[in-house]
Amino acid sequence: MAAADPGTPAPRDPRRERLIALLALGVAVVLMVSSVTWFGTGQQGVGLGQLFLGVVLAVVGLVLYRRSDRS
């Protein structure tokens, strides 16, 4: 069995990209919804950081999802 050349990129798998995108979107939703508890306990810095991370993950998830639909 021949080994794959380490210089060649792996082929894109749209199904895998879609699953990773949905995972990232799910984590983003949980982060954004649960950040309310940090604001309620008076820790606004943690809440803002969690919101920021949730938005970043949502953008990454949306980009991956759109990319998987094009394939």
C-alpha atoms as a PDB file:
ATOM      1  CA  MET A   1       0.000   0.000   0.000  1.00  0.00           C
ATOM      2  CA  ALA A   2       1.510   3.309  -1.061  1.00  0.00           C
ATOM      3  CA  ALA A   3       1.752   6.131   1.468  1.00  0.00           C
ATOM      4  CA  ALA A   4       0.231   9.477   0.585  1.00  0.00           C
ATOM      5  CA  ASP A   5       2.657  12.200  -0.391  1.00  0.00           C
ATOM      6  CA  PRO A   6       2.996  14.557   2.612  1.00  0.00           C
ATOM      7  CA  GLY A   7       3.096  17.579   0.284  1.00  0.00           C
ATOM      8  CA  THR A   8      -0.369  17.031  -1.193  1.00  0.00           C
ATOM      9  CA  PRO A   9      -3.372  18.441   0.680  1.00  0.00           C
ATOM     10  CA  ALA A  10      -6.112  16.105   1.797  1.00  0.00           C
ATOM     11  CA  PRO A  11      -9.271  16.148  -0.343  1.00  0.00           C
ATOM     12  CA  ARG A  12     -12.123  18.275   1.006  1.00  0.00           C
ATOM     13  CA  ASP A  13     -15.010  16.425   2.551  1.00  0.00           C
ATOM     14  CA  PRO A  14     -18.141  18.640   2.495  1.00  0.00           C
ATOM     15  CA  ARG A  15     -19.965  16.406   4.954  1.00  0.00           C
ATOM     16  CA  ARG A  16     -17.174  16.719   7.520  1.00  0.00           C
ATOM     17  CA  GLU A  17     -17.001  20.493   7.031  1.00  0.00           C
ATOM     18  CA  ARG A  18     -20.758  20.732   7.570  1.00  0.00           C
ATOM     19  CA  LEU A  19     -20.561  18.698  10.784  1.00  0.00           C
ATOM     20  CA  ILE A  20     -17.707  20.818  12.142  1.00  0.00           C
ATOM     21  CA  ALA A  21     -19.650  23.959  11.209  1.00  0.00           C
ATOM     22  CA  LEU A  22     -22.737  22.739  13.059  1.00  0.00           C
ATOM     23  CA  LEU A  23     -20.610  21.854  16.100  1.00  0.00           C
ATOM     24  CA  ALA A  24     -19.064  25.341  16.106  1.00  0.00           C
ATOM     25  CA  LEU A  25     -22.503  26.938  15.751  1.00  0.00           C
ATOM     26  CA  GLY A  26     -23.860  24.842  18.610  1.00  0.00           C
ATOM     27  CA  VAL A  27     -20.999  25.800  20.911  1.00  0.00           C
ATOM     28  CA  ALA A  28     -21.445  29.452  19.911  1.00  0.00           C
ATOM     29  CA  VAL A  29     -25.134  29.370  20.829  1.00  0.00           C
ATOM     30  CA  VAL A  30     -24.389  27.808  24.213  1.00  0.00           C
ATOM     31  CA  LEU A  31     -21.690  30.396  24.930  1.00  0.00           C
ATOM     32  CA  MET A  32     -23.909  33.324  23.996  1.00  0.00           C
ATOM     33  CA  VAL A  33     -26.947  32.063  25.911  1.00  0.00           C
ATOM     34  CA  SER A  34     -24.995  31.169  29.058  1.00  0.00           C
ATOM     35  CA  SER A  35     -23.082  34.457  29.126  1.00  0.00           C
ATOM     36  CA  VAL A  36     -26.166  36.041  30.725  1.00  0.00           C
ATOM     37  CA  THR A  37     -25.312  34.272  33.984  1.00  0.00           C
ATOM     38  CA  TRP A  38     -21.956  36.057  34.173  1.00  0.00           C
ATOM     39  CA  PHE A  39     -23.635  39.431  33.839  1.00  0.00           C
ATOM     40  CA  GLY A  40     -26.091  38.438  36.561  1.00  0.00           C
ATOM     41  CA  THR A  41     -23.293  37.621  39.003  1.00  0.00           C
ATOM     42  CA  GLY A  42     -21.485  40.900  38.391  1.00  0.00           C
ATOM     43  CA  GLN A  43     -18.611  39.512  36.316  1.00  0.00           C
ATOM     44  CA  GLN A  44     -19.077  41.583  33.173  1.00  0.00           C
ATOM     45  CA  GLY A  45     -15.542  40.916  31.887  1.00  0.00           C
ATOM     46  CA  VAL A  46     -16.126  37.177  31.729  1.00  0.00           C
ATOM     47  CA  GLY A  47     -19.529  37.717  30.130  1.00  0.00           C
ATOM     48  CA  LEU A  48     -18.098  39.991  27.456  1.00  0.00           C
ATOM     49  CA  GLY A  49     -15.267  37.554  26.744  1.00  0.00           C
ATOM     50  CA  GLN A  50     -17.748  34.727  26.417  1.00  0.00           C
ATOM     51  CA  LEU A  51     -19.948  36.771  24.085  1.00  0.00           C
ATOM     52  CA  PHE A  52     -16.931  37.679  21.956  1.00  0.00           C
ATOM     53  CA  LEU A  53     -15.838  34.043  21.700  1.00  0.00           C
ATOM     54  CA  GLY A  54     -19.404  33.015  20.855  1.00  0.00           C
ATOM     55  CA  VAL A  55     -19.600  35.544  18.030  1.00  0.00           C
ATOM     56  CA  VAL A  56     -16.218  34.445  16.644  1.00  0.00           C
ATOM     57  CA  LEU A  57     -17.279  30.789  16.707  1.00  0.00           C
ATOM     58  CA  ALA A  58     -20.587  31.678  15.057  1.00  0.00           C
ATOM     59  CA  VAL A  59     -18.769  33.455  12.222  1.00  0.00           C
ATOM     60  CA  VAL A  60     -16.380  30.512  11.769  1.00  0.00           C
ATOM     61  CA  GLY A  61     -19.317  28.097  11.777  1.00  0.00           C
ATOM     62  CA  LEU A  62     -21.231  30.121   9.202  1.00  0.00           C
ATOM     63  CA  VAL A  63     -18.190  30.392   6.926  1.00  0.00           C
ATOM     64  CA  LEU A  64     -17.576  26.648   7.117  1.00  0.00           C
ATOM     65  CA  TYR A  65     -21.231  25.873   6.524  1.00  0.00           C
ATOM     66  CA  ARG A  66     -21.415  28.101   3.448  1.00  0.00           C
ATOM     67  CA  ARG A  67     -18.148  26.633   2.177  1.00  0.00           C
ATOM     68  CA  SER A  68     -19.508  23.081   2.554  1.00  0.00           C
ATOM     69  CA  ASP A  69     -22.630  23.960   0.543  1.00  0.00           C
ATOM     70  CA  ARG A  70     -20.559  25.099  -2.431  1.00  0.00           C
ATOM     71  CA  SER A  71     -18.872  21.705  -2.821  1.00  0.00           C
END
